[in-house]
């Protein structure tokens, strides 16, 4: 008898991944907030000198703080993106486990940051800070941002290299 816990249904593994991303995102944000309540203190915990630190930053905007004056709009856009993914999950994933798992990861990331924007007026908690000495620094991010980035990169690579190959084989 086939398992009902599918690799391609949002009610299967992709949904579990989405919920896991949301849970990990908010657990890590809670730990940052509980142990480091004042982001203005400017403290930094160096993990790998010159490469990686933990920080506490509140971001009212999107990447690099853009649109910081439109937090409500970013929350609405996040909610709409999540709803589109939920409603169109089956046709987007095309019944292919890699796509379904990537869209589940994307959904979890979107929901993780949506919860911050919609329910916490202080903005999204970012805490992972990668840099190369003082010469280059990537904006601080969180688990949800990482999930969104990884899933989008995977979907782009899949579209460029695998989807084209699948169509040429047919």
N, C-alpha and C. Protein backbone atom coordinates (compact mmCIF):
# COMPACT_ATOMS: atom_id res chain seq x y z
N UNK A 1 0.85 -1.19 0.00
CA UNK A 1 0.00 0.00 0.00
C UNK A 1 0.90 1.25 0.00
N UNK A 2 0.66 2.20 -0.91
CA UNK A 2 1.51 3.39 -0.99
C UNK A 2 1.31 4.29 0.23
N UNK A 3 2.38 4.96 0.60
CA UNK A 3 2.34 5.86 1.74
C UNK A 3 1.58 7.13 1.37
N UNK A 4 0.75 7.59 2.28
CA UNK A 4 0.02 8.84 2.06
C UNK A 4 0.89 10.04 2.40
N UNK A 5 2.02 9.79 3.04
CA UNK A 5 2.92 10.87 3.40
C UNK A 5 3.85 11.11 2.23
N UNK A 6 3.42 11.92 1.32
CA UNK A 6 4.03 12.08 0.01
C UNK A 6 5.24 13.02 0.02
N UNK A 7 6.12 12.80 -0.96
CA UNK A 7 7.25 13.69 -1.19
C UNK A 7 6.85 14.88 -2.04
N UNK A 8 5.65 14.84 -2.61
CA UNK A 8 5.27 15.90 -3.54
C UNK A 8 4.03 16.67 -3.12
N UNK A 9 3.37 16.27 -2.06
CA UNK A 9 2.17 16.97 -1.59
C UNK A 9 2.56 17.94 -0.48
N UNK A 10 1.92 19.09 -0.46
CA UNK A 10 2.18 20.06 0.59
C UNK A 10 1.80 19.49 1.96
N UNK A 11 0.93 18.48 1.98
CA UNK A 11 0.56 17.83 3.23
C UNK A 11 1.54 16.71 3.60
N UNK A 12 2.58 16.52 2.81
CA UNK A 12 3.60 15.52 3.06
C UNK A 12 4.90 16.17 3.48
N UNK A 13 6.01 15.64 2.96
CA UNK A 13 7.34 16.15 3.33
C UNK A 13 7.54 17.63 3.05
N UNK A 14 7.07 18.17 1.94
CA UNK A 14 7.25 19.61 1.74
C UNK A 14 6.61 20.45 2.85
N UNK A 15 5.45 20.02 3.34
CA UNK A 15 4.81 20.73 4.45
C UNK A 15 5.59 20.58 5.74
N UNK A 16 6.15 19.39 5.96
CA UNK A 16 6.99 19.17 7.15
C UNK A 16 8.21 20.07 7.08
N UNK A 17 8.80 20.18 5.91
CA UNK A 17 9.97 21.05 5.74
C UNK A 17 9.59 22.51 6.00
N UNK A 18 8.45 22.94 5.45
CA UNK A 18 7.99 24.33 5.67
C UNK A 18 7.81 24.60 7.16
N UNK A 19 7.14 23.70 7.86
CA UNK A 19 6.93 23.89 9.30
C UNK A 19 8.24 23.83 10.08
N UNK A 20 9.16 22.98 9.65
CA UNK A 20 10.47 22.89 10.31
C UNK A 20 11.26 24.18 10.14
N UNK A 21 11.22 24.75 8.93
CA UNK A 21 11.92 26.01 8.69
C UNK A 21 11.33 27.11 9.58
N UNK A 22 10.00 27.19 9.64
CA UNK A 22 9.36 28.21 10.49
C UNK A 22 9.76 28.00 11.95
N UNK A 23 9.72 26.74 12.41
CA UNK A 23 10.06 26.45 13.80
C UNK A 23 11.53 26.78 14.10
N UNK A 24 12.44 26.37 13.22
CA UNK A 24 13.86 26.66 13.43
C UNK A 24 14.12 28.17 13.38
N UNK A 25 13.46 28.84 12.46
CA UNK A 25 13.62 30.28 12.33
C UNK A 25 13.21 30.98 13.61
N UNK A 26 12.05 30.63 14.12
CA UNK A 26 11.56 31.33 15.31
C UNK A 26 12.23 30.86 16.59
N UNK A 27 12.68 29.64 16.64
CA UNK A 27 13.46 29.20 17.80
C UNK A 27 14.77 29.98 17.87
N UNK A 28 15.46 30.09 16.75
CA UNK A 28 16.74 30.81 16.76
C UNK A 28 16.53 32.30 17.03
N UNK A 29 15.47 32.88 16.47
CA UNK A 29 15.18 34.29 16.74
C UNK A 29 14.83 34.50 18.21
N UNK A 30 14.09 33.56 18.78
CA UNK A 30 13.75 33.65 20.21
C UNK A 30 15.02 33.59 21.05
N UNK A 31 15.93 32.67 20.71
CA UNK A 31 17.17 32.56 21.47
C UNK A 31 17.99 33.84 21.40
N UNK A 32 18.03 34.45 20.22
CA UNK A 32 18.74 35.73 20.08
C UNK A 32 18.05 36.78 20.94
N UNK A 33 16.75 36.88 20.83
CA UNK A 33 16.00 37.91 21.57
C UNK A 33 16.08 37.68 23.08
N UNK A 34 15.95 36.43 23.51
CA UNK A 34 15.96 36.13 24.95
C UNK A 34 17.33 36.36 25.58
N UNK A 35 18.39 36.08 24.84
CA UNK A 35 19.74 36.20 25.40
C UNK A 35 20.43 37.51 25.05
N UNK A 36 19.81 38.28 24.17
CA UNK A 36 20.45 39.49 23.66
C UNK A 36 19.34 40.49 23.33
N UNK A 37 18.58 40.91 24.35
CA UNK A 37 17.36 41.67 24.10
C UNK A 37 17.54 43.05 23.46
N UNK A 38 18.70 43.66 23.61
CA UNK A 38 18.88 45.02 23.11
C UNK A 38 19.79 45.04 21.89
N UNK A 39 19.20 45.12 20.68
CA UNK A 39 20.04 45.15 19.49
C UNK A 39 20.90 46.42 19.42
N UNK A 40 20.48 47.46 20.10
CA UNK A 40 21.24 48.72 20.08
C UNK A 40 22.55 48.61 20.84
N UNK A 41 22.70 47.56 21.66
CA UNK A 41 23.93 47.39 22.44
C UNK A 41 25.13 47.20 21.52
N UNK A 42 24.89 46.71 20.31
CA UNK A 42 25.95 46.59 19.32
C UNK A 42 26.94 45.48 19.60
N UNK A 43 26.62 44.58 20.47
CA UNK A 43 27.53 43.48 20.77
C UNK A 43 27.64 42.54 19.58
N UNK A 44 28.76 41.88 19.51
CA UNK A 44 29.02 40.92 18.44
C UNK A 44 29.71 39.72 19.07
N UNK A 45 29.26 38.53 18.71
CA UNK A 45 29.91 37.31 19.18
C UNK A 45 30.66 36.74 17.98
N UNK A 46 31.97 36.81 18.03
CA UNK A 46 32.80 36.34 16.93
C UNK A 46 32.89 34.82 17.00
N UNK A 47 32.49 34.15 15.93
CA UNK A 47 32.55 32.70 15.85
C UNK A 47 33.80 32.29 15.07
N UNK A 48 33.99 32.85 13.89
CA UNK A 48 35.19 32.64 13.09
C UNK A 48 35.76 34.02 12.80
N UNK A 49 36.87 34.37 13.45
CA UNK A 49 37.42 35.73 13.30
C UNK A 49 37.59 36.12 11.83
N UNK A 50 37.08 37.30 11.51
CA UNK A 50 37.21 37.84 10.16
C UNK A 50 36.26 37.23 9.14
N UNK A 51 35.39 36.28 9.57
CA UNK A 51 34.51 35.60 8.62
C UNK A 51 33.06 35.55 9.08
N UNK A 52 32.82 35.14 10.33
CA UNK A 52 31.45 34.91 10.77
C UNK A 52 31.24 35.31 12.22
N UNK A 53 30.17 36.07 12.45
CA UNK A 53 29.81 36.51 13.79
C UNK A 53 28.31 36.40 13.99
N UNK A 54 27.92 36.37 15.25
CA UNK A 54 26.52 36.49 15.60
C UNK A 54 26.28 37.93 16.04
N UNK A 55 25.22 38.52 15.54
CA UNK A 55 24.85 39.88 15.89
C UNK A 55 23.35 39.89 16.17
N UNK A 56 22.86 41.01 16.65
CA UNK A 56 21.41 41.16 16.81
C UNK A 56 21.01 42.45 16.11
N UNK A 57 20.32 42.27 14.98
CA UNK A 57 19.90 43.39 14.16
C UNK A 57 18.40 43.28 13.95
N UNK A 58 17.71 44.40 14.00
CA UNK A 58 16.29 44.44 13.68
C UNK A 58 16.14 45.10 12.33
N UNK A 59 15.53 44.39 11.41
CA UNK A 59 15.39 44.87 10.04
C UNK A 59 13.91 45.11 9.76
N UNK A 60 13.53 46.35 9.58
CA UNK A 60 12.14 46.67 9.24
C UNK A 60 11.85 46.48 7.76
N UNK A 61 12.89 46.37 6.95
CA UNK A 61 12.71 46.26 5.51
C UNK A 61 12.99 44.87 4.98
N UNK A 62 13.35 44.85 3.72
CA UNK A 62 13.73 43.59 3.05
C UNK A 62 15.27 43.53 3.07
N UNK A 63 15.85 42.81 2.14
CA UNK A 63 17.32 42.70 2.08
C UNK A 63 17.95 44.08 2.06
N UNK A 64 19.05 44.22 2.80
CA UNK A 64 19.78 45.48 2.92
C UNK A 64 18.92 46.60 3.51
N UNK A 65 17.81 46.25 4.13
CA UNK A 65 16.95 47.25 4.76
C UNK A 65 16.11 48.06 3.78
N UNK A 66 16.09 47.66 2.51
CA UNK A 66 15.30 48.44 1.54
C UNK A 66 13.82 48.34 1.89
N UNK A 67 13.09 49.37 1.58
CA UNK A 67 11.66 49.48 1.85
C UNK A 67 11.34 49.42 3.34
N UNK A 68 12.27 49.88 4.18
CA UNK A 68 12.06 49.83 5.62
C UNK A 68 10.85 50.64 6.09
N UNK A 69 10.44 51.60 5.31
CA UNK A 69 9.28 52.39 5.68
C UNK A 69 7.97 51.72 5.25
N UNK A 70 8.08 50.56 4.60
CA UNK A 70 6.89 49.85 4.11
C UNK A 70 6.80 48.44 4.68
N UNK A 71 7.05 48.29 5.98
CA UNK A 71 6.99 46.98 6.61
C UNK A 71 5.64 46.31 6.38
N UNK A 72 4.57 47.08 6.48
CA UNK A 72 3.22 46.54 6.29
C UNK A 72 3.05 46.00 4.88
N UNK A 73 3.61 46.70 3.89
CA UNK A 73 3.51 46.25 2.50
C UNK A 73 4.31 44.97 2.29
N UNK A 74 5.48 44.89 2.91
CA UNK A 74 6.28 43.66 2.82
C UNK A 74 5.54 42.49 3.46
N UNK A 75 4.82 42.75 4.55
CA UNK A 75 4.02 41.69 5.18
C UNK A 75 2.91 41.22 4.25
N UNK A 76 2.25 42.16 3.59
CA UNK A 76 1.18 41.81 2.65
C UNK A 76 1.74 41.02 1.46
N UNK A 77 2.86 41.47 0.93
CA UNK A 77 3.49 40.76 -0.20
C UNK A 77 3.90 39.35 0.23
N UNK A 78 4.45 39.22 1.44
CA UNK A 78 4.83 37.89 1.94
C UNK A 78 3.61 36.99 2.06
N UNK A 79 2.53 37.53 2.61
CA UNK A 79 1.31 36.73 2.76
C UNK A 79 0.77 36.31 1.40
N UNK A 80 0.75 37.23 0.44
CA UNK A 80 0.27 36.89 -0.90
C UNK A 80 1.17 35.84 -1.56
N UNK A 81 2.49 35.97 -1.40
CA UNK A 81 3.42 34.98 -1.97
C UNK A 81 3.18 33.61 -1.35
N UNK A 82 2.97 33.57 -0.03
CA UNK A 82 2.71 32.30 0.64
C UNK A 82 1.40 31.69 0.15
N UNK A 83 0.37 32.51 -0.01
CA UNK A 83 -0.91 32.00 -0.49
C UNK A 83 -0.81 31.48 -1.92
N UNK A 84 -0.06 32.17 -2.76
CA UNK A 84 0.14 31.71 -4.15
C UNK A 84 0.86 30.36 -4.14
N UNK A 85 1.88 30.23 -3.31
CA UNK A 85 2.59 28.94 -3.22
C UNK A 85 1.67 27.83 -2.74
N UNK A 86 0.83 28.12 -1.77
CA UNK A 86 -0.08 27.10 -1.25
C UNK A 86 -1.11 26.71 -2.30
N UNK A 87 -1.74 27.70 -2.92
CA UNK A 87 -2.80 27.42 -3.91
C UNK A 87 -2.25 26.73 -5.15
N UNK A 88 -1.08 27.16 -5.61
CA UNK A 88 -0.53 26.62 -6.85
C UNK A 88 0.62 25.63 -6.61
N UNK A 89 0.67 25.06 -5.42
CA UNK A 89 1.77 24.18 -5.08
C UNK A 89 1.88 23.00 -6.04
N UNK A 90 0.77 22.35 -6.32
CA UNK A 90 0.80 21.15 -7.17
C UNK A 90 1.29 21.45 -8.59
N UNK A 91 0.73 22.46 -9.27
CA UNK A 91 1.26 22.72 -10.62
C UNK A 91 2.70 23.27 -10.61
N UNK A 92 3.07 24.02 -9.59
CA UNK A 92 4.44 24.53 -9.53
C UNK A 92 5.45 23.39 -9.35
N UNK A 93 5.12 22.44 -8.48
CA UNK A 93 6.06 21.37 -8.20
C UNK A 93 6.02 20.27 -9.24
N UNK A 94 5.02 20.27 -10.09
CA UNK A 94 4.91 19.33 -11.22
C UNK A 94 5.02 17.87 -10.79
N UNK A 95 4.70 17.59 -9.52
CA UNK A 95 4.79 16.22 -9.03
C UNK A 95 6.22 15.70 -8.88
N UNK A 96 7.20 16.60 -8.94
CA UNK A 96 8.61 16.22 -8.84
C UNK A 96 9.11 16.51 -7.42
N UNK A 97 9.60 15.47 -6.73
CA UNK A 97 10.06 15.68 -5.35
C UNK A 97 11.06 16.81 -5.16
N UNK A 98 12.08 16.96 -6.02
CA UNK A 98 13.02 18.07 -5.78
C UNK A 98 12.35 19.44 -5.81
N UNK A 99 11.43 19.63 -6.75
CA UNK A 99 10.73 20.91 -6.83
C UNK A 99 9.80 21.09 -5.63
N UNK A 100 9.08 20.03 -5.26
CA UNK A 100 8.16 20.11 -4.12
C UNK A 100 8.91 20.46 -2.84
N UNK A 101 10.05 19.84 -2.62
CA UNK A 101 10.83 20.10 -1.41
C UNK A 101 11.39 21.53 -1.42
N UNK A 102 11.81 21.99 -2.59
CA UNK A 102 12.31 23.37 -2.70
C UNK A 102 11.20 24.38 -2.43
N UNK A 103 10.01 24.13 -2.98
CA UNK A 103 8.88 25.05 -2.73
C UNK A 103 8.43 24.99 -1.27
N UNK A 104 8.53 23.83 -0.63
CA UNK A 104 8.24 23.73 0.80
C UNK A 104 9.22 24.55 1.62
N UNK A 105 10.50 24.49 1.25
CA UNK A 105 11.52 25.29 1.92
C UNK A 105 11.27 26.78 1.72
N UNK A 106 10.93 27.16 0.51
CA UNK A 106 10.63 28.56 0.19
C UNK A 106 9.44 29.04 1.01
N UNK A 107 8.39 28.23 1.08
CA UNK A 107 7.20 28.60 1.84
C UNK A 107 7.54 28.80 3.32
N UNK A 108 8.33 27.91 3.88
CA UNK A 108 8.73 28.06 5.28
C UNK A 108 9.48 29.35 5.53
N UNK A 109 10.39 29.70 4.63
CA UNK A 109 11.13 30.95 4.77
C UNK A 109 10.24 32.17 4.68
N UNK A 110 9.34 32.16 3.72
CA UNK A 110 8.42 33.29 3.55
C UNK A 110 7.55 33.45 4.81
N UNK A 111 7.02 32.34 5.32
CA UNK A 111 6.17 32.41 6.50
C UNK A 111 6.95 32.84 7.74
N UNK A 112 8.20 32.39 7.86
CA UNK A 112 9.01 32.79 9.01
C UNK A 112 9.17 34.29 9.11
N UNK A 113 9.51 34.94 8.02
CA UNK A 113 9.66 36.40 8.04
C UNK A 113 8.32 37.11 8.06
N UNK A 114 7.29 36.53 7.45
CA UNK A 114 5.95 37.13 7.50
C UNK A 114 5.49 37.27 8.95
N UNK A 115 5.69 36.23 9.74
CA UNK A 115 5.25 36.26 11.14
C UNK A 115 5.91 37.43 11.86
N UNK A 116 7.20 37.64 11.64
CA UNK A 116 7.88 38.78 12.27
C UNK A 116 7.28 40.10 11.82
N UNK A 117 7.09 40.25 10.53
CA UNK A 117 6.60 41.53 10.00
C UNK A 117 5.16 41.80 10.45
N UNK A 118 4.35 40.77 10.49
CA UNK A 118 2.93 40.96 10.80
C UNK A 118 2.67 41.11 12.30
N UNK A 119 3.46 40.47 13.13
CA UNK A 119 3.12 40.41 14.55
C UNK A 119 4.13 41.07 15.49
N UNK A 120 5.30 41.46 15.00
CA UNK A 120 6.30 42.08 15.86
C UNK A 120 6.73 43.40 15.26
N UNK A 121 6.36 44.48 15.91
CA UNK A 121 6.60 45.81 15.34
C UNK A 121 8.07 46.19 15.27
N UNK A 122 8.94 45.46 15.99
CA UNK A 122 10.37 45.79 15.98
C UNK A 122 11.07 45.30 14.72
N UNK A 123 10.38 44.60 13.85
CA UNK A 123 10.97 44.13 12.61
C UNK A 123 11.47 42.70 12.71
N UNK A 124 12.08 42.26 11.64
CA UNK A 124 12.61 40.90 11.52
C UNK A 124 13.95 40.84 12.25
N UNK A 125 14.13 39.79 13.05
CA UNK A 125 15.39 39.60 13.77
C UNK A 125 16.39 38.92 12.83
N UNK A 126 17.51 39.58 12.58
CA UNK A 126 18.61 39.02 11.80
C UNK A 126 19.80 38.85 12.73
N UNK A 127 20.56 37.76 12.54
CA UNK A 127 21.65 37.52 13.49
C UNK A 127 22.87 36.82 12.91
N UNK A 128 22.80 36.32 11.71
CA UNK A 128 23.94 35.65 11.09
C UNK A 128 24.69 36.67 10.23
N UNK A 129 25.96 36.91 10.54
CA UNK A 129 26.72 37.96 9.88
C UNK A 129 28.01 37.39 9.28
N UNK A 130 28.04 37.29 7.96
CA UNK A 130 29.24 36.82 7.25
C UNK A 130 29.97 38.03 6.68
N UNK A 131 31.28 38.00 6.76
CA UNK A 131 32.10 39.11 6.28
C UNK A 131 33.51 38.62 6.00
N UNK A 132 34.25 39.39 5.26
CA UNK A 132 35.68 39.13 5.03
C UNK A 132 36.44 40.30 5.62
N UNK A 133 36.91 40.11 6.84
CA UNK A 133 37.59 41.20 7.53
C UNK A 133 36.68 42.39 7.63
N UNK A 134 37.23 43.56 7.40
CA UNK A 134 36.41 44.77 7.41
C UNK A 134 36.13 45.26 5.99
N UNK A 135 36.69 44.56 5.02
CA UNK A 135 36.56 45.00 3.63
C UNK A 135 35.20 44.68 3.03
N UNK A 136 34.59 43.58 3.43
CA UNK A 136 33.34 43.16 2.82
C UNK A 136 32.43 42.53 3.87
N UNK A 137 31.17 42.89 3.84
CA UNK A 137 30.22 42.32 4.78
C UNK A 137 28.89 42.11 4.08
N UNK A 138 28.34 40.93 4.23
CA UNK A 138 27.01 40.63 3.71
C UNK A 138 26.02 41.09 4.77
N UNK A 139 24.85 41.59 4.39
CA UNK A 139 23.88 41.99 5.42
C UNK A 139 23.52 40.80 6.32
N UNK A 140 23.34 41.08 7.59
CA UNK A 140 22.95 40.03 8.54
C UNK A 140 21.63 39.42 8.07
N UNK A 141 21.48 38.12 8.32
CA UNK A 141 20.26 37.43 7.90
C UNK A 141 19.87 36.40 8.95
N UNK A 142 18.82 35.63 8.68
CA UNK A 142 18.31 34.65 9.63
C UNK A 142 18.01 33.33 8.91
N UNK A 143 17.46 32.37 9.62
CA UNK A 143 17.18 31.06 9.05
C UNK A 143 16.18 31.17 7.90
N UNK A 144 15.14 31.98 8.07
CA UNK A 144 14.14 32.14 7.00
C UNK A 144 14.79 32.71 5.74
N UNK A 145 15.63 33.72 5.89
CA UNK A 145 16.33 34.30 4.74
C UNK A 145 17.19 33.25 4.05
N UNK A 146 17.89 32.44 4.84
CA UNK A 146 18.72 31.37 4.28
C UNK A 146 17.89 30.35 3.52
N UNK A 147 16.72 30.00 4.06
CA UNK A 147 15.84 29.04 3.38
C UNK A 147 15.34 29.61 2.05
N UNK A 148 14.95 30.88 2.07
CA UNK A 148 14.48 31.52 0.84
C UNK A 148 15.60 31.55 -0.20
N UNK A 149 16.77 31.98 0.21
CA UNK A 149 17.90 32.08 -0.72
C UNK A 149 18.28 30.73 -1.30
N UNK A 150 18.42 29.72 -0.43
CA UNK A 150 18.80 28.38 -0.92
C UNK A 150 17.76 27.80 -1.85
N UNK A 151 16.48 27.98 -1.53
CA UNK A 151 15.45 27.40 -2.40
C UNK A 151 15.39 28.12 -3.75
N UNK A 152 15.54 29.44 -3.74
CA UNK A 152 15.53 30.18 -5.02
C UNK A 152 16.74 29.79 -5.87
N UNK A 153 17.91 29.68 -5.26
CA UNK A 153 19.10 29.26 -6.02
C UNK A 153 18.87 27.86 -6.59
N UNK A 154 18.34 26.94 -5.77
CA UNK A 154 18.08 25.59 -6.26
C UNK A 154 17.10 25.62 -7.43
N UNK A 155 16.02 26.40 -7.31
CA UNK A 155 15.02 26.46 -8.38
C UNK A 155 15.61 27.02 -9.66
N UNK A 156 16.48 28.02 -9.54
CA UNK A 156 17.14 28.57 -10.73
C UNK A 156 18.08 27.55 -11.38
N UNK A 157 18.88 26.87 -10.57
CA UNK A 157 19.78 25.84 -11.10
C UNK A 157 18.98 24.72 -11.74
N UNK A 158 17.90 24.31 -11.10
CA UNK A 158 17.04 23.26 -11.64
C UNK A 158 16.47 23.68 -12.99
N UNK A 159 15.97 24.91 -13.06
CA UNK A 159 15.38 25.40 -14.31
C UNK A 159 16.40 25.47 -15.43
N UNK A 160 17.61 25.91 -15.12
CA UNK A 160 18.63 26.08 -16.15
C UNK A 160 19.23 24.75 -16.60
N UNK A 161 19.54 23.88 -15.65
CA UNK A 161 20.29 22.67 -15.99
C UNK A 161 19.45 21.41 -16.11
N UNK A 162 18.47 21.23 -15.27
CA UNK A 162 17.75 19.97 -15.24
C UNK A 162 16.47 19.99 -16.07
N UNK A 163 15.73 21.07 -15.99
CA UNK A 163 14.48 21.15 -16.74
C UNK A 163 14.76 21.12 -18.24
N UNK A 164 15.77 21.85 -18.66
CA UNK A 164 16.14 21.88 -20.07
C UNK A 164 16.56 20.48 -20.52
N UNK A 165 17.33 19.78 -19.69
CA UNK A 165 17.78 18.42 -20.01
C UNK A 165 16.59 17.47 -20.10
N UNK A 166 15.64 17.59 -19.17
CA UNK A 166 14.46 16.72 -19.18
C UNK A 166 13.65 16.92 -20.46
N UNK A 167 13.51 18.18 -20.89
CA UNK A 167 12.74 18.46 -22.10
C UNK A 167 13.44 17.94 -23.34
N UNK A 168 14.77 17.99 -23.37
CA UNK A 168 15.50 17.51 -24.55
C UNK A 168 15.51 16.00 -24.63
N UNK A 169 15.36 15.30 -23.50
CA UNK A 169 15.35 13.84 -23.48
C UNK A 169 14.02 13.32 -24.01
N UNK A 170 12.94 14.07 -23.79
CA UNK A 170 11.60 13.62 -24.19
C UNK A 170 11.41 13.54 -25.67
